[in-house]
Amino acid sequence: MISMTKGDTESIAIRAVNPRTGEPIPFEEGDTVFFTVKFTESSERVLFQKRITEFEDGAAVVAIFPEDTKPLEVGKYRYDGQLTDRFGNVYTIVKPSDFVVTGEVTWD
């Protein structure tokens, strides 16, 4: 689960691990990681999506900016993380989970 305040800035690191061994699998050049937020898994409408193609120490860093969450109502949404590797294989590396947007007192 991810919980963040509406309109804030956040960075989230996504790393891949081998499901059998638990060993880390660093992302490499040619890989693409998608971070997608929707109302529900079955929603057609994407609320926001990040596409990461450059990696820091083998991790995909998702940068969430105020404009990504400001238009959202306070509440619970769903997100996942998907990898398309350099060979075209597709893997859901972060299963659908809750993305909670909380209220704020101070805004501009």
N, C-alpha and C. Protein backbone atom coordinates (compact mmCIF):
# COMPACT_ATOMS: atom_id res chain seq x y z
N MET A 1 0.84 -1.17 0.00
CA MET A 1 0.00 0.00 0.00
C MET A 1 0.89 1.25 0.00
N ILE A 2 0.47 2.24 -0.75
CA ILE A 2 1.12 3.55 -0.73
C ILE A 2 0.09 4.54 -0.23
N SER A 3 0.51 5.39 0.70
CA SER A 3 -0.34 6.46 1.19
C SER A 3 0.45 7.76 1.09
N MET A 4 -0.17 8.76 0.48
CA MET A 4 0.49 10.05 0.38
C MET A 4 -0.53 11.18 0.45
N THR A 5 -0.05 12.35 0.83
CA THR A 5 -0.91 13.51 0.94
C THR A 5 -1.15 14.11 -0.44
N LYS A 6 -2.39 14.43 -0.71
CA LYS A 6 -2.79 15.05 -1.98
C LYS A 6 -1.92 16.27 -2.26
N GLY A 7 -1.36 16.33 -3.47
CA GLY A 7 -0.58 17.48 -3.88
C GLY A 7 0.87 17.49 -3.43
N ASP A 8 1.32 16.43 -2.77
CA ASP A 8 2.71 16.37 -2.33
C ASP A 8 3.61 15.77 -3.41
N THR A 9 4.91 15.88 -3.18
CA THR A 9 5.93 15.29 -4.03
C THR A 9 6.42 14.02 -3.34
N GLU A 10 6.62 12.96 -4.12
CA GLU A 10 7.05 11.68 -3.55
C GLU A 10 7.95 10.96 -4.55
N SER A 11 8.90 10.19 -4.03
CA SER A 11 9.73 9.30 -4.86
C SER A 11 9.59 7.89 -4.30
N ILE A 12 9.32 6.96 -5.19
CA ILE A 12 9.13 5.56 -4.79
C ILE A 12 10.07 4.70 -5.62
N ALA A 13 10.90 3.92 -4.95
CA ALA A 13 11.83 3.04 -5.66
C ALA A 13 11.18 1.67 -5.85
N ILE A 14 11.21 1.19 -7.09
CA ILE A 14 10.71 -0.14 -7.41
C ILE A 14 11.90 -1.00 -7.79
N ARG A 15 12.00 -2.16 -7.15
CA ARG A 15 13.07 -3.11 -7.44
C ARG A 15 12.44 -4.45 -7.78
N ALA A 16 13.10 -5.19 -8.64
CA ALA A 16 12.62 -6.53 -9.00
C ALA A 16 13.43 -7.57 -8.24
N VAL A 17 12.76 -8.66 -7.86
CA VAL A 17 13.44 -9.79 -7.23
C VAL A 17 13.01 -11.08 -7.90
N ASN A 18 13.89 -12.04 -7.89
CA ASN A 18 13.58 -13.37 -8.40
C ASN A 18 12.58 -14.01 -7.44
N PRO A 19 11.38 -14.39 -7.91
CA PRO A 19 10.36 -14.93 -7.00
C PRO A 19 10.76 -16.26 -6.37
N ARG A 20 11.66 -16.98 -6.98
CA ARG A 20 12.08 -18.28 -6.42
C ARG A 20 13.20 -18.14 -5.40
N THR A 21 14.13 -17.23 -5.66
CA THR A 21 15.31 -17.13 -4.79
C THR A 21 15.31 -15.89 -3.90
N GLY A 22 14.52 -14.88 -4.28
CA GLY A 22 14.52 -13.63 -3.53
C GLY A 22 15.70 -12.73 -3.87
N GLU A 23 16.53 -13.17 -4.79
CA GLU A 23 17.69 -12.38 -5.20
C GLU A 23 17.24 -11.17 -6.03
N PRO A 24 17.89 -10.02 -5.83
CA PRO A 24 17.53 -8.86 -6.63
C PRO A 24 17.87 -9.05 -8.11
N ILE A 25 17.03 -8.51 -8.96
CA ILE A 25 17.27 -8.50 -10.41
C ILE A 25 17.29 -7.03 -10.82
N PRO A 26 18.47 -6.46 -11.05
CA PRO A 26 18.51 -5.04 -11.41
C PRO A 26 17.92 -4.79 -12.79
N PHE A 27 17.23 -3.66 -12.92
CA PHE A 27 16.75 -3.24 -14.23
C PHE A 27 17.95 -2.80 -15.04
N GLU A 28 17.84 -3.00 -16.37
CA GLU A 28 18.96 -2.68 -17.26
C GLU A 28 18.49 -1.82 -18.42
N GLU A 29 19.45 -1.28 -19.15
CA GLU A 29 19.14 -0.49 -20.33
C GLU A 29 18.27 -1.30 -21.28
N GLY A 30 17.22 -0.68 -21.78
CA GLY A 30 16.27 -1.36 -22.66
C GLY A 30 15.03 -1.83 -21.93
N ASP A 31 15.06 -1.89 -20.59
CA ASP A 31 13.88 -2.23 -19.79
C ASP A 31 13.01 -0.99 -19.64
N THR A 32 11.70 -1.21 -19.48
CA THR A 32 10.77 -0.12 -19.19
C THR A 32 9.87 -0.56 -18.04
N VAL A 33 9.78 0.29 -17.03
CA VAL A 33 8.90 0.03 -15.89
C VAL A 33 7.77 1.05 -15.94
N PHE A 34 6.54 0.55 -15.80
CA PHE A 34 5.35 1.39 -15.77
C PHE A 34 4.77 1.36 -14.37
N PHE A 35 4.40 2.52 -13.85
CA PHE A 35 3.70 2.68 -12.58
C PHE A 35 2.38 3.34 -12.94
N THR A 36 1.27 2.65 -12.70
CA THR A 36 -0.04 3.12 -13.16
C THR A 36 -1.02 3.20 -12.00
N VAL A 37 -1.74 4.31 -11.92
CA VAL A 37 -2.79 4.50 -10.91
C VAL A 37 -4.12 4.66 -11.62
N LYS A 38 -5.12 3.88 -11.16
CA LYS A 38 -6.48 3.92 -11.71
C LYS A 38 -7.48 3.88 -10.55
N PHE A 39 -8.75 4.10 -10.86
CA PHE A 39 -9.79 3.96 -9.83
C PHE A 39 -9.81 2.54 -9.29
N THR A 40 -9.87 1.56 -10.18
CA THR A 40 -9.85 0.13 -9.83
C THR A 40 -9.08 -0.60 -10.91
N GLU A 41 -8.79 -1.88 -10.69
CA GLU A 41 -8.09 -2.67 -11.71
C GLU A 41 -8.87 -2.70 -13.02
N SER A 42 -10.18 -2.72 -12.94
CA SER A 42 -11.00 -2.85 -14.16
C SER A 42 -11.35 -1.51 -14.81
N SER A 43 -10.93 -0.41 -14.21
CA SER A 43 -11.20 0.90 -14.80
C SER A 43 -10.47 1.05 -16.12
N GLU A 44 -11.13 1.67 -17.06
CA GLU A 44 -10.49 1.99 -18.34
C GLU A 44 -9.57 3.21 -18.19
N ARG A 45 -10.01 4.17 -17.39
CA ARG A 45 -9.32 5.46 -17.28
C ARG A 45 -8.08 5.36 -16.39
N VAL A 46 -6.96 5.78 -16.93
CA VAL A 46 -5.71 5.88 -16.17
C VAL A 46 -5.68 7.28 -15.55
N LEU A 47 -5.53 7.34 -14.23
CA LEU A 47 -5.47 8.64 -13.54
C LEU A 47 -4.11 9.29 -13.73
N PHE A 48 -3.05 8.50 -13.57
CA PHE A 48 -1.72 8.93 -13.99
C PHE A 48 -0.83 7.71 -14.13
N GLN A 49 0.16 7.85 -15.00
CA GLN A 49 1.08 6.75 -15.26
C GLN A 49 2.48 7.30 -15.44
N LYS A 50 3.45 6.59 -14.90
CA LYS A 50 4.85 6.96 -15.05
C LYS A 50 5.55 5.86 -15.84
N ARG A 51 6.40 6.28 -16.75
CA ARG A 51 7.18 5.36 -17.59
C ARG A 51 8.64 5.61 -17.27
N ILE A 52 9.32 4.61 -16.71
CA ILE A 52 10.70 4.77 -16.28
C ILE A 52 11.61 3.94 -17.17
N THR A 53 12.59 4.59 -17.78
CA THR A 53 13.54 3.90 -18.66
C THR A 53 14.99 4.10 -18.23
N GLU A 54 15.20 4.93 -17.22
CA GLU A 54 16.53 5.13 -16.66
C GLU A 54 16.48 4.71 -15.21
N PHE A 55 17.52 4.03 -14.76
CA PHE A 55 17.50 3.38 -13.46
C PHE A 55 18.66 3.83 -12.59
N GLU A 56 18.40 3.91 -11.29
CA GLU A 56 19.40 4.29 -10.30
C GLU A 56 19.76 3.06 -9.48
N ASP A 57 20.99 2.62 -9.60
CA ASP A 57 21.46 1.42 -8.89
C ASP A 57 20.54 0.23 -9.15
N GLY A 58 20.07 0.08 -10.39
CA GLY A 58 19.23 -1.05 -10.76
C GLY A 58 17.77 -0.92 -10.36
N ALA A 59 17.38 0.22 -9.76
CA ALA A 59 16.00 0.43 -9.33
C ALA A 59 15.32 1.46 -10.22
N ALA A 60 14.01 1.33 -10.36
CA ALA A 60 13.19 2.32 -11.06
C ALA A 60 12.66 3.29 -10.00
N VAL A 61 12.98 4.56 -10.16
CA VAL A 61 12.50 5.56 -9.20
C VAL A 61 11.31 6.29 -9.83
N VAL A 62 10.17 6.14 -9.18
CA VAL A 62 8.92 6.76 -9.63
C VAL A 62 8.82 8.13 -8.98
N ALA A 63 8.83 9.17 -9.79
CA ALA A 63 8.70 10.54 -9.28
C ALA A 63 7.25 10.97 -9.41
N ILE A 64 6.61 11.21 -8.27
CA ILE A 64 5.22 11.68 -8.25
C ILE A 64 5.26 13.15 -7.88
N PHE A 65 4.63 13.96 -8.73
CA PHE A 65 4.64 15.41 -8.56
C PHE A 65 3.27 15.90 -8.09
N PRO A 66 3.20 17.11 -7.52
CA PRO A 66 1.92 17.63 -7.04
C PRO A 66 0.81 17.56 -8.08
N GLU A 67 1.12 17.84 -9.34
CA GLU A 67 0.08 17.83 -10.37
C GLU A 67 -0.49 16.44 -10.64
N ASP A 68 0.22 15.38 -10.19
CA ASP A 68 -0.30 14.02 -10.37
C ASP A 68 -1.47 13.72 -9.43
N THR A 69 -1.40 14.21 -8.19
CA THR A 69 -2.44 13.87 -7.21
C THR A 69 -3.39 15.02 -6.88
N LYS A 70 -3.02 16.25 -7.24
CA LYS A 70 -3.92 17.39 -6.93
C LYS A 70 -5.32 17.21 -7.51
N PRO A 71 -5.47 16.69 -8.75
CA PRO A 71 -6.83 16.56 -9.28
C PRO A 71 -7.63 15.41 -8.67
N LEU A 72 -6.99 14.56 -7.89
CA LEU A 72 -7.68 13.40 -7.32
C LEU A 72 -8.44 13.78 -6.06
N GLU A 73 -9.57 13.13 -5.86
CA GLU A 73 -10.30 13.28 -4.61
C GLU A 73 -9.57 12.48 -3.54
N VAL A 74 -9.72 12.90 -2.29
CA VAL A 74 -9.19 12.11 -1.18
C VAL A 74 -9.89 10.76 -1.22
N GLY A 75 -9.12 9.67 -1.14
CA GLY A 75 -9.71 8.34 -1.18
C GLY A 75 -8.72 7.28 -1.58
N LYS A 76 -9.26 6.11 -1.90
CA LYS A 76 -8.44 4.94 -2.21
C LYS A 76 -8.54 4.61 -3.69
N TYR A 77 -7.40 4.39 -4.30
CA TYR A 77 -7.28 4.03 -5.70
C TYR A 77 -6.46 2.73 -5.78
N ARG A 78 -6.12 2.31 -6.99
CA ARG A 78 -5.31 1.09 -7.16
C ARG A 78 -4.13 1.41 -8.07
N TYR A 79 -3.01 0.76 -7.78
CA TYR A 79 -1.82 0.93 -8.61
C TYR A 79 -1.16 -0.42 -8.82
N ASP A 80 -0.32 -0.49 -9.83
CA ASP A 80 0.56 -1.64 -10.00
C ASP A 80 1.84 -1.19 -10.68
N GLY A 81 2.78 -2.11 -10.77
CA GLY A 81 4.04 -1.86 -11.45
C GLY A 81 4.28 -2.96 -12.46
N GLN A 82 4.60 -2.58 -13.68
CA GLN A 82 4.79 -3.57 -14.74
C GLN A 82 6.14 -3.34 -15.42
N LEU A 83 6.82 -4.42 -15.70
CA LEU A 83 8.09 -4.39 -16.41
C LEU A 83 7.91 -4.95 -17.80
N THR A 84 8.36 -4.21 -18.80
CA THR A 84 8.55 -4.76 -20.13
C THR A 84 10.06 -4.81 -20.31
N ASP A 85 10.61 -6.03 -20.34
CA ASP A 85 12.07 -6.12 -20.40
C ASP A 85 12.58 -5.87 -21.81
N ARG A 86 13.87 -5.79 -21.94
CA ARG A 86 14.50 -5.43 -23.22
C ARG A 86 14.22 -6.45 -24.32
N PHE A 87 13.68 -7.63 -23.95
CA PHE A 87 13.35 -8.66 -24.94
C PHE A 87 11.87 -8.65 -25.31
N GLY A 88 11.09 -7.75 -24.67
CA GLY A 88 9.66 -7.65 -24.95
C GLY A 88 8.78 -8.47 -24.03
N ASN A 89 9.38 -9.15 -23.05
CA ASN A 89 8.59 -9.91 -22.07
C ASN A 89 7.95 -8.94 -21.09
N VAL A 90 6.72 -9.25 -20.68
CA VAL A 90 5.96 -8.38 -19.78
C VAL A 90 5.72 -9.10 -18.46
N TYR A 91 6.03 -8.42 -17.36
CA TYR A 91 5.85 -8.98 -16.01
C TYR A 91 5.22 -7.94 -15.11
N THR A 92 4.20 -8.35 -14.34
CA THR A 92 3.66 -7.48 -13.31
C THR A 92 4.52 -7.70 -12.08
N ILE A 93 5.37 -6.73 -11.76
CA ILE A 93 6.33 -6.90 -10.67
C ILE A 93 5.81 -6.33 -9.35
N VAL A 94 4.80 -5.46 -9.42
CA VAL A 94 4.10 -5.00 -8.23
C VAL A 94 2.63 -5.30 -8.47
N LYS A 95 2.11 -6.25 -7.73
CA LYS A 95 0.71 -6.65 -7.90
C LYS A 95 -0.21 -5.48 -7.55
N PRO A 96 -1.43 -5.45 -8.12
CA PRO A 96 -2.37 -4.37 -7.80
C PRO A 96 -2.52 -4.20 -6.28
N SER A 97 -2.35 -2.95 -5.84
CA SER A 97 -2.37 -2.62 -4.42
C SER A 97 -3.06 -1.27 -4.23
N ASP A 98 -3.34 -0.94 -2.97
CA ASP A 98 -4.01 0.31 -2.67
C ASP A 98 -3.06 1.50 -2.80
N PHE A 99 -3.58 2.57 -3.37
CA PHE A 99 -2.90 3.86 -3.45
C PHE A 99 -3.84 4.85 -2.78
N VAL A 100 -3.49 5.28 -1.57
CA VAL A 100 -4.39 6.11 -0.77
C VAL A 100 -3.93 7.56 -0.83
N VAL A 101 -4.85 8.44 -1.17
CA VAL A 101 -4.59 9.88 -1.19
C VAL A 101 -5.31 10.48 0.01
N THR A 102 -4.52 11.07 0.90
CA THR A 102 -5.08 11.68 2.11
C THR A 102 -5.21 13.18 1.92
N GLY A 103 -6.01 13.79 2.78
CA GLY A 103 -6.25 15.22 2.69
C GLY A 103 -5.08 16.05 3.17
N GLU A 104 -5.19 17.34 2.90
CA GLU A 104 -4.16 18.28 3.33
C GLU A 104 -4.85 19.47 3.98
N VAL A 105 -4.13 20.13 4.85
CA VAL A 105 -4.65 21.32 5.49
C VAL A 105 -4.14 22.56 4.75
N THR A 106 -2.87 22.54 4.39
CA THR A 106 -2.26 23.66 3.69
C THR A 106 -2.16 23.37 2.21
N TRP A 107 -2.66 24.25 1.37
CA TRP A 107 -2.50 24.10 -0.08
C TRP A 107 -2.35 25.49 -0.67
N ASP A 108 -1.88 25.51 -1.90
CA ASP A 108 -1.77 26.81 -2.57
C ASP A 108 -2.63 26.85 -3.78
